[in-house]
Amino acid sequence: MRWIKRLLIAAPFVIAAVLNVLSATANRLHLPGERIAGYGFLFAAPWAWLIDLVGGLPDWHNRWLSLLIGYLFILWIPAALYSGCLWLFLLGLARIRASRTR
């Protein structure tokens, strides 16, 4: 059961990594980049209010730094938030289960 919990908590990071690689290589693989970007924004949509609360994406003049910050805000921060929510949910379920067995 521990491995299932660990895999479930790591799943948002795997999704973010796949989306990151696909969006970085979409032109080389002749994939529709707009659709992959749409999946990235769909992944980050529940946390968009938090990004807006922070102040949105900063405007950097360096292209690579701007891409890195974009991937961070659109993929990796939501992956950490999803993972944290799943961890808290599983922790709550474990405590409820432990209190019922006592």
C-alpha atoms as a PDB file:
ATOM      1  CA  MET A   1       0.000   0.000   0.000  1.00  0.00           C
ATOM      2  CA  ARG A   2       2.928   2.347   0.626  1.00  0.00           C
ATOM      3  CA  TRP A   3       4.115   2.115  -2.963  1.00  0.00           C
ATOM      4  CA  ILE A   4       0.674   2.960  -4.308  1.00  0.00           C
ATOM      5  CA  LYS A   5       0.569   6.073  -2.122  1.00  0.00           C
ATOM      6  CA  ARG A   6       4.044   7.091  -3.224  1.00  0.00           C
ATOM      7  CA  LEU A   7       3.209   6.595  -6.896  1.00  0.00           C
ATOM      8  CA  LEU A   8      -0.025   8.526  -6.499  1.00  0.00           C
ATOM      9  CA  ILE A   9       1.794  11.425  -4.839  1.00  0.00           C
ATOM     10  CA  ALA A  10       4.488  11.390  -7.556  1.00  0.00           C
ATOM     11  CA  ALA A  11       1.965  11.276 -10.428  1.00  0.00           C
ATOM     12  CA  PRO A  12       1.571  15.097 -10.764  1.00  0.00           C
ATOM     13  CA  PHE A  13       5.332  15.448 -11.170  1.00  0.00           C
ATOM     14  CA  VAL A  14       5.348  12.751 -13.853  1.00  0.00           C
ATOM     15  CA  ILE A  15       2.537  14.547 -15.698  1.00  0.00           C
ATOM     16  CA  ALA A  16       4.419  17.855 -15.428  1.00  0.00           C
ATOM     17  CA  ALA A  17       7.609  16.237 -16.716  1.00  0.00           C
ATOM     18  CA  VAL A  18       5.815  14.684 -19.698  1.00  0.00           C
ATOM     19  CA  LEU A  19       4.133  17.983 -20.559  1.00  0.00           C
ATOM     20  CA  ASN A  20       7.436  19.798 -20.165  1.00  0.00           C
ATOM     21  CA  VAL A  21       9.260  17.447 -22.536  1.00  0.00           C
ATOM     22  CA  LEU A  22       6.409  17.460 -25.054  1.00  0.00           C
ATOM     23  CA  SER A  23       6.146  21.239 -25.097  1.00  0.00           C
ATOM     24  CA  ALA A  24       9.901  21.617 -25.439  1.00  0.00           C
ATOM     25  CA  THR A  25      10.086  19.178 -28.359  1.00  0.00           C
ATOM     26  CA  ALA A  26       6.750  19.826 -30.076  1.00  0.00           C
ATOM     27  CA  ASN A  27       8.282  21.558 -33.102  1.00  0.00           C
ATOM     28  CA  ARG A  28      10.925  18.891 -33.629  1.00  0.00           C
ATOM     29  CA  LEU A  29       8.397  16.056 -33.410  1.00  0.00           C
ATOM     30  CA  HIS A  30       5.845  17.880 -35.594  1.00  0.00           C
ATOM     31  CA  LEU A  31       3.238  17.801 -32.821  1.00  0.00           C
ATOM     32  CA  PRO A  32       0.524  20.437 -32.427  1.00  0.00           C
ATOM     33  CA  GLY A  33       2.138  22.825 -29.972  1.00  0.00           C
ATOM     34  CA  GLU A  34      -1.109  24.648 -29.249  1.00  0.00           C
ATOM     35  CA  ARG A  35      -2.774  21.470 -28.039  1.00  0.00           C
ATOM     36  CA  ILE A  36       0.143  20.580 -25.771  1.00  0.00           C
ATOM     37  CA  ALA A  37       0.155  24.118 -24.364  1.00  0.00           C
ATOM     38  CA  GLY A  38      -3.580  23.738 -23.803  1.00  0.00           C
ATOM     39  CA  TYR A  39      -2.964  20.604 -21.768  1.00  0.00           C
ATOM     40  CA  GLY A  40      -0.416  22.518 -19.704  1.00  0.00           C
ATOM     41  CA  PHE A  41      -2.881  25.308 -19.019  1.00  0.00           C
ATOM     42  CA  LEU A  42      -5.590  22.745 -18.242  1.00  0.00           C
ATOM     43  CA  PHE A  43      -3.192  21.173 -15.727  1.00  0.00           C
ATOM     44  CA  ALA A  44      -2.610  24.566 -14.076  1.00  0.00           C
ATOM     45  CA  ALA A  45      -6.201  25.850 -14.300  1.00  0.00           C
ATOM     46  CA  PRO A  46      -7.295  24.990 -10.727  1.00  0.00           C
ATOM     47  CA  TRP A  47      -4.326  26.962  -9.379  1.00  0.00           C
ATOM     48  CA  ALA A  48      -4.648  29.981 -11.692  1.00  0.00           C
ATOM     49  CA  TRP A  49      -6.170  32.074  -8.914  1.00  0.00           C
ATOM     50  CA  LEU A  50      -3.027  31.535  -6.851  1.00  0.00           C
ATOM     51  CA  ILE A  51      -0.783  32.659  -9.710  1.00  0.00           C
ATOM     52  CA  ASP A  52      -2.957  35.741 -10.126  1.00  0.00           C
ATOM     53  CA  LEU A  53      -2.755  36.377  -6.391  1.00  0.00           C
ATOM     54  CA  VAL A  54       1.044  36.311  -6.552  1.00  0.00           C
ATOM     55  CA  GLY A  55       0.934  38.863  -9.347  1.00  0.00           C
ATOM     56  CA  GLY A  56       1.123  36.780 -12.491  1.00  0.00           C
ATOM     57  CA  LEU A  57       4.186  35.912 -14.469  1.00  0.00           C
ATOM     58  CA  PRO A  58       6.983  38.469 -14.330  1.00  0.00           C
ATOM     59  CA  ASP A  59       8.202  40.034 -17.571  1.00  0.00           C
ATOM     60  CA  TRP A  60      11.817  38.992 -18.117  1.00  0.00           C
ATOM     61  CA  HIS A  61      13.888  40.251 -21.016  1.00  0.00           C
ATOM     62  CA  ASN A  62      15.848  37.016 -21.320  1.00  0.00           C
ATOM     63  CA  ARG A  63      13.981  34.477 -23.460  1.00  0.00           C
ATOM     64  CA  TRP A  64      15.296  31.359 -21.741  1.00  0.00           C
ATOM     65  CA  LEU A  65      14.645  32.736 -18.271  1.00  0.00           C
ATOM     66  CA  SER A  66      11.128  33.696 -19.336  1.00  0.00           C
ATOM     67  CA  LEU A  67      10.501  30.133 -20.587  1.00  0.00           C
ATOM     68  CA  LEU A  68      11.900  28.664 -17.380  1.00  0.00           C
ATOM     69  CA  ILE A  69       9.699  30.873 -15.202  1.00  0.00           C
ATOM     70  CA  GLY A  70       6.698  30.028 -17.401  1.00  0.00           C
ATOM     71  CA  TYR A  71       7.257  26.289 -17.030  1.00  0.00           C
ATOM     72  CA  LEU A  72       7.742  26.774 -13.306  1.00  0.00           C
ATOM     73  CA  PHE A  73       4.453  28.637 -12.862  1.00  0.00           C
ATOM     74  CA  ILE A  74       2.396  26.587 -15.333  1.00  0.00           C
ATOM     75  CA  LEU A  75       3.691  23.069 -14.662  1.00  0.00           C
ATOM     76  CA  TRP A  76       5.909  22.606 -11.631  1.00  0.00           C
ATOM     77  CA  ILE A  77       4.238  24.743  -8.956  1.00  0.00           C
ATOM     78  CA  PRO A  78       0.802  23.220  -9.726  1.00  0.00           C
ATOM     79  CA  ALA A  79       2.400  19.747  -9.641  1.00  0.00           C
ATOM     80  CA  ALA A  80       3.751  20.477  -6.153  1.00  0.00           C
ATOM     81  CA  LEU A  81       0.346  21.786  -5.057  1.00  0.00           C
ATOM     82  CA  TYR A  82      -1.467  18.726  -6.468  1.00  0.00           C
ATOM     83  CA  SER A  83       1.036  16.452  -4.760  1.00  0.00           C
ATOM     84  CA  GLY A  84       0.656  18.281  -1.447  1.00  0.00           C
ATOM     85  CA  CYS A  85      -3.135  18.056  -1.626  1.00  0.00           C
ATOM     86  CA  LEU A  86      -2.995  14.339  -2.404  1.00  0.00           C
ATOM     87  CA  TRP A  87      -0.589  13.805   0.488  1.00  0.00           C
ATOM     88  CA  LEU A  88      -2.892  15.657   2.906  1.00  0.00           C
ATOM     89  CA  PHE A  89      -5.899  13.717   1.613  1.00  0.00           C
ATOM     90  CA  LEU A  90      -4.155  10.357   2.055  1.00  0.00           C
ATOM     91  CA  LEU A  91      -2.927  11.405   5.501  1.00  0.00           C
ATOM     92  CA  GLY A  92      -6.490  12.286   6.490  1.00  0.00           C
ATOM     93  CA  LEU A  93      -7.787   8.963   5.208  1.00  0.00           C
ATOM     94  CA  ALA A  94      -5.109   7.097   7.159  1.00  0.00           C
ATOM     95  CA  ARG A  95      -6.009   8.944  10.364  1.00  0.00           C
ATOM     96  CA  ILE A  96      -9.728   8.259   9.895  1.00  0.00           C
ATOM     97  CA  ARG A  97      -8.967   4.612   9.277  1.00  0.00           C
ATOM     98  CA  ALA A  98      -6.713   4.443  12.335  1.00  0.00           C
ATOM     99  CA  SER A  99      -9.334   6.063  14.576  1.00  0.00           C
ATOM    100  CA  ARG A 100     -12.005   3.592  13.433  1.00  0.00           C
ATOM    101  CA  THR A 101      -9.827   0.564  14.194  1.00  0.00           C
ATOM    102  CA  ARG A 102      -9.229   1.691  17.792  1.00  0.00           C
END
